[in-house]
Amino acid sequence: MNRGEVLHACTDIVCGDARDVCLAAANICRQPDRSRKRRGTDRVQPPSGNIGCIYTPKGGTSTYEPQDGGPELSCSRVEPSYVTVVLGPKGQATLIKNPGEQGCCGDVAKLAYGNSWSKGLFSCQSSTKGLTCTDKHGHGFFVSKAKVTVK
């Protein structure tokens, strides 16, 4: 499959504030590098569709700026109760047990079980047990239908 075919196959997948390049081999959707100051977000979602993550770069985007300036990785779990875990550039992840908003897990490319994703300080590993995400300092979290843990 050439680049044009990959782009055509992914025309319905939007991960940021612009049309994205679908990287089918990695089963993720990633915003191509742009020369502008603020880039779009990346979205990561394991195959279950119950967990969805949004990466926001340092400085934020035109529609959202992390409280500490970013970068930020925010993952939400839908079932059995809606929770959000946020990992910023410093310190432990924060678990929000009642985030209020519930816009998780749209139609984005899936991060297949056994595959990993990384961007900036953060990396995530998808498995049949759940999603494990960490930063370069060893802070992170695990999210599954059964439990959520932060470290």
C-alpha atoms as a PDB file:
ATOM      1  CA  MET A   1       0.000   0.000   0.000  1.00  0.00           C
ATOM      2  CA  ASN A   2       1.522   3.344  -0.993  1.00  0.00           C
ATOM      3  CA  ARG A   3       1.201   6.615   0.970  1.00  0.00           C
ATOM      4  CA  GLY A   4      -1.729   7.813  -1.144  1.00  0.00           C
ATOM      5  CA  GLU A   5      -3.652   4.594  -0.528  1.00  0.00           C
ATOM      6  CA  VAL A   6      -2.948   4.815   3.217  1.00  0.00           C
ATOM      7  CA  LEU A   7      -4.195   8.411   3.287  1.00  0.00           C
ATOM      8  CA  HIS A   8      -7.293   7.442   1.306  1.00  0.00           C
ATOM      9  CA  ALA A   9      -8.012   4.518   3.661  1.00  0.00           C
ATOM     10  CA  CYS A  10      -7.815   6.846   6.635  1.00  0.00           C
ATOM     11  CA  THR A  11      -9.814   9.824   5.402  1.00  0.00           C
ATOM     12  CA  ASP A  12     -12.416   9.334   8.127  1.00  0.00           C
ATOM     13  CA  ILE A  13      -9.817   9.326  10.925  1.00  0.00           C
ATOM     14  CA  VAL A  14      -9.118  12.728  12.456  1.00  0.00           C
ATOM     15  CA  CYS A  15      -6.782  12.890  15.451  1.00  0.00           C
ATOM     16  CA  GLY A  16      -6.064  16.589  15.811  1.00  0.00           C
ATOM     17  CA  ASP A  17      -7.013  19.917  14.357  1.00  0.00           C
ATOM     18  CA  ALA A  18      -6.037  18.840  10.823  1.00  0.00           C
ATOM     19  CA  ARG A  19      -6.353  15.749   8.599  1.00  0.00           C
ATOM     20  CA  ASP A  20      -3.866  13.197   9.873  1.00  0.00           C
ATOM     21  CA  VAL A  21      -1.620  10.587   8.381  1.00  0.00           C
ATOM     22  CA  CYS A  22      -2.708   7.075   9.299  1.00  0.00           C
ATOM     23  CA  LEU A  23       0.251   4.885  10.106  1.00  0.00           C
ATOM     24  CA  ALA A  24      -1.418   1.550   9.434  1.00  0.00           C
ATOM     25  CA  ALA A  25       1.654  -0.524  10.281  1.00  0.00           C
ATOM     26  CA  ALA A  26       1.692   0.828  13.831  1.00  0.00           C
ATOM     27  CA  ASN A  27      -2.116   0.883  14.188  1.00  0.00           C
ATOM     28  CA  ILE A  28      -2.068   4.465  15.457  1.00  0.00           C
ATOM     29  CA  CYS A  29      -3.066   7.817  14.117  1.00  0.00           C
ATOM     30  CA  ARG A  30      -0.408  10.520  14.329  1.00  0.00           C
ATOM     31  CA  GLN A  31      -0.297  14.182  13.381  1.00  0.00           C
ATOM     32  CA  PRO A  32       2.508  14.835  10.867  1.00  0.00           C
ATOM     33  CA  ASP A  33       5.191  17.306  11.947  1.00  0.00           C
ATOM     34  CA  ARG A  34       4.267  20.902  11.152  1.00  0.00           C
ATOM     35  CA  SER A  35       6.415  24.015  11.215  1.00  0.00           C
ATOM     36  CA  ARG A  36       3.828  25.988  13.166  1.00  0.00           C
ATOM     37  CA  LYS A  37       4.307  26.545  16.898  1.00  0.00           C
ATOM     38  CA  ARG A  38       1.290  24.592  18.120  1.00  0.00           C
ATOM     39  CA  ARG A  39       0.700  21.141  16.768  1.00  0.00           C
ATOM     40  CA  GLY A  40      -2.406  19.002  16.998  1.00  0.00           C
ATOM     41  CA  THR A  41      -3.029  16.232  19.440  1.00  0.00           C
ATOM     42  CA  ASP A  42      -2.365  12.515  19.064  1.00  0.00           C
ATOM     43  CA  ARG A  43      -5.016  10.006  20.074  1.00  0.00           C
ATOM     44  CA  VAL A  44      -4.399   6.459  21.216  1.00  0.00           C
ATOM     45  CA  GLN A  45      -7.058   3.812  21.803  1.00  0.00           C
ATOM     46  CA  PRO A  46      -6.672   0.085  22.552  1.00  0.00           C
ATOM     47  CA  PRO A  47      -8.916  -2.291  20.542  1.00  0.00           C
ATOM     48  CA  SER A  48     -11.496  -2.656  23.357  1.00  0.00           C
ATOM     49  CA  GLY A  49     -12.682   0.920  22.759  1.00  0.00           C
ATOM     50  CA  ASN A  50     -13.146   1.333  26.532  1.00  0.00           C
ATOM     51  CA  ILE A  51     -10.005   3.474  26.996  1.00  0.00           C
ATOM     52  CA  GLY A  52      -8.975   6.506  25.004  1.00  0.00           C
ATOM     53  CA  CYS A  53      -5.932   8.770  25.390  1.00  0.00           C
ATOM     54  CA  ILE A  54      -5.099  12.220  24.101  1.00  0.00           C
ATOM     55  CA  TYR A  55      -1.544  13.575  23.930  1.00  0.00           C
ATOM     56  CA  THR A  56      -1.266  17.366  23.980  1.00  0.00           C
ATOM     57  CA  PRO A  57       2.145  18.859  23.130  1.00  0.00           C
ATOM     58  CA  LYS A  58       4.012  21.454  25.187  1.00  0.00           C
ATOM     59  CA  GLY A  59       2.300  24.795  24.685  1.00  0.00           C
ATOM     60  CA  GLY A  60      -1.030  23.133  23.949  1.00  0.00           C
ATOM     61  CA  THR A  61      -3.130  23.526  20.838  1.00  0.00           C
ATOM     62  CA  SER A  62      -5.323  26.272  19.453  1.00  0.00           C
ATOM     63  CA  THR A  63      -8.235  24.886  21.522  1.00  0.00           C
ATOM     64  CA  TYR A  64      -6.587  23.533  24.705  1.00  0.00           C
ATOM     65  CA  GLU A  65      -3.588  24.373  26.864  1.00  0.00           C
ATOM     66  CA  PRO A  66      -2.575  22.098  29.757  1.00  0.00           C
ATOM     67  CA  GLN A  67      -2.586  23.769  33.186  1.00  0.00           C
ATOM     68  CA  ASP A  68       1.185  23.399  33.588  1.00  0.00           C
ATOM     69  CA  GLY A  69       1.953  24.198  29.945  1.00  0.00           C
ATOM     70  CA  GLY A  70       2.363  20.554  28.898  1.00  0.00           C
ATOM     71  CA  PRO A  71       3.068  18.222  27.406  1.00  0.00           C
ATOM     72  CA  GLU A  72       0.215  16.145  28.789  1.00  0.00           C
ATOM     73  CA  LEU A  73      -1.174  12.642  28.357  1.00  0.00           C
ATOM     74  CA  SER A  74      -4.801  12.237  29.422  1.00  0.00           C
ATOM     75  CA  CYS A  75      -6.513   8.835  29.316  1.00  0.00           C
ATOM     76  CA  SER A  76     -10.155   8.135  30.062  1.00  0.00           C
ATOM     77  CA  ARG A  77     -11.882   4.842  30.815  1.00  0.00           C
ATOM     78  CA  VAL A  78     -15.609   4.492  30.117  1.00  0.00           C
ATOM     79  CA  GLU A  79     -16.684   1.275  31.910  1.00  0.00           C
ATOM     80  CA  PRO A  80     -17.450   0.276  34.627  1.00  0.00           C
ATOM     81  CA  SER A  81     -17.173   3.899  35.812  1.00  0.00           C
ATOM     82  CA  TYR A  82     -15.908   6.918  33.916  1.00  0.00           C
ATOM     83  CA  VAL A  83     -12.488   8.051  35.170  1.00  0.00           C
ATOM     84  CA  THR A  84      -9.629  10.099  33.725  1.00  0.00           C
ATOM     85  CA  VAL A  85      -5.904   9.860  34.468  1.00  0.00           C
ATOM     86  CA  VAL A  86      -3.644  12.796  33.589  1.00  0.00           C
ATOM     87  CA  LEU A  87       0.146  12.618  33.340  1.00  0.00           C
ATOM     88  CA  GLY A  88       2.000  15.907  32.961  1.00  0.00           C
ATOM     89  CA  PRO A  89       5.679  16.766  32.468  1.00  0.00           C
ATOM     90  CA  LYS A  90       6.504  16.489  36.189  1.00  0.00           C
ATOM     91  CA  GLY A  91       5.366  14.297  39.053  1.00  0.00           C
ATOM     92  CA  GLN A  92       2.897  11.481  39.485  1.00  0.00           C
ATOM     93  CA  ALA A  93      -0.187  10.935  37.403  1.00  0.00           C
ATOM     94  CA  THR A  94      -3.449  12.349  38.727  1.00  0.00           C
ATOM     95  CA  LEU A  95      -6.575  10.177  38.936  1.00  0.00           C
ATOM     96  CA  ILE A  96      -9.840  12.069  38.454  1.00  0.00           C
ATOM     97  CA  LYS A  97     -12.678   9.825  39.630  1.00  0.00           C
ATOM     98  CA  ASN A  98     -15.495  12.091  38.475  1.00  0.00           C
ATOM     99  CA  PRO A  99     -14.180  14.121  35.524  1.00  0.00           C
ATOM    100  CA  GLY A 100     -17.566  15.546  34.589  1.00  0.00           C
ATOM    101  CA  GLU A 101     -16.976  15.558  30.841  1.00  0.00           C
ATOM    102  CA  GLN A 102     -17.419  12.221  29.131  1.00  0.00           C
ATOM    103  CA  GLY A 103     -16.210  12.513  25.571  1.00  0.00           C
ATOM    104  CA  CYS A 104     -13.925   9.490  25.497  1.00  0.00           C
ATOM    105  CA  CYS A 105     -13.214   6.975  22.885  1.00  0.00           C
ATOM    106  CA  GLY A 106     -14.307   8.168  19.486  1.00  0.00           C
ATOM    107  CA  ASP A 107     -13.612   6.567  16.169  1.00  0.00           C
ATOM    108  CA  VAL A 108      -9.801   6.657  16.003  1.00  0.00           C
ATOM    109  CA  ALA A 109      -7.244   4.132  14.812  1.00  0.00           C
ATOM    110  CA  LYS A 110      -6.580   1.387  17.351  1.00  0.00           C
ATOM    111  CA  LEU A 111      -3.329   0.642  19.168  1.00  0.00           C
ATOM    112  CA  ALA A 112      -3.313  -3.151  18.757  1.00  0.00           C
ATOM    113  CA  TYR A 113      -2.597  -5.409  21.728  1.00  0.00           C
ATOM    114  CA  GLY A 114       1.140  -5.962  22.024  1.00  0.00           C
ATOM    115  CA  ASN A 115       1.957  -2.658  20.302  1.00  0.00           C
ATOM    116  CA  SER A 116       3.333   0.497  21.836  1.00  0.00           C
ATOM    117  CA  TRP A 117       3.025   4.218  21.187  1.00  0.00           C
ATOM    118  CA  SER A 118       5.379   7.024  22.222  1.00  0.00           C
ATOM    119  CA  LYS A 119       5.483  10.774  21.868  1.00  0.00           C
ATOM    120  CA  GLY A 120       7.736  13.229  23.688  1.00  0.00           C
ATOM    121  CA  LEU A 121       8.101  12.182  27.344  1.00  0.00           C
ATOM    122  CA  PHE A 122       5.381   9.528  27.213  1.00  0.00           C
ATOM    123  CA  SER A 123       4.984   5.944  26.057  1.00  0.00           C
ATOM    124  CA  CYS A 124       2.104   3.477  26.297  1.00  0.00           C
ATOM    125  CA  GLN A 125       1.924  -0.293  25.911  1.00  0.00           C
ATOM    126  CA  SER A 126      -1.356  -1.944  24.946  1.00  0.00           C
ATOM    127  CA  SER A 127      -2.112  -5.470  26.168  1.00  0.00           C
ATOM    128  CA  THR A 128      -5.165  -7.670  26.670  1.00  0.00           C
ATOM    129  CA  LYS A 129      -4.881  -6.813  30.392  1.00  0.00           C
ATOM    130  CA  GLY A 130      -5.072  -3.033  29.858  1.00  0.00           C
ATOM    131  CA  LEU A 131      -3.043   0.033  28.947  1.00  0.00           C
ATOM    132  CA  THR A 132       0.196   0.971  30.730  1.00  0.00           C
ATOM    133  CA  CYS A 133       1.594   4.483  30.192  1.00  0.00           C
ATOM    134  CA  THR A 134       4.762   5.982  31.662  1.00  0.00           C
ATOM    135  CA  ASP A 135       6.921   9.051  31.307  1.00  0.00           C
ATOM    136  CA  LYS A 136      10.715   9.187  31.046  1.00  0.00           C
ATOM    137  CA  HIS A 137      10.926   9.763  34.827  1.00  0.00           C
ATOM    138  CA  GLY A 138       9.161   6.510  35.739  1.00  0.00           C
ATOM    139  CA  HIS A 139       5.803   8.058  36.651  1.00  0.00           C
ATOM    140  CA  GLY A 140       2.732   6.610  35.047  1.00  0.00           C
ATOM    141  CA  PHE A 141      -0.448   4.604  35.308  1.00  0.00           C
ATOM    142  CA  PHE A 142      -2.259   1.416  34.373  1.00  0.00           C
ATOM    143  CA  VAL A 143      -5.866   1.495  33.150  1.00  0.00           C
ATOM    144  CA  SER A 144      -8.157  -1.480  32.574  1.00  0.00           C
ATOM    145  CA  LYS A 145     -11.827  -2.293  32.977  1.00  0.00           C
ATOM    146  CA  ALA A 146     -11.006  -3.933  36.344  1.00  0.00           C
ATOM    147  CA  LYS A 147      -8.771  -1.233  37.868  1.00  0.00           C
ATOM    148  CA  VAL A 148      -6.836   2.007  37.581  1.00  0.00           C
ATOM    149  CA  THR A 149      -3.495   2.501  39.347  1.00  0.00           C
ATOM    150  CA  VAL A 150      -1.114   5.472  39.333  1.00  0.00           C
ATOM    151  CA  LYS A 151       2.551   5.641  40.275  1.00  0.00           C
END
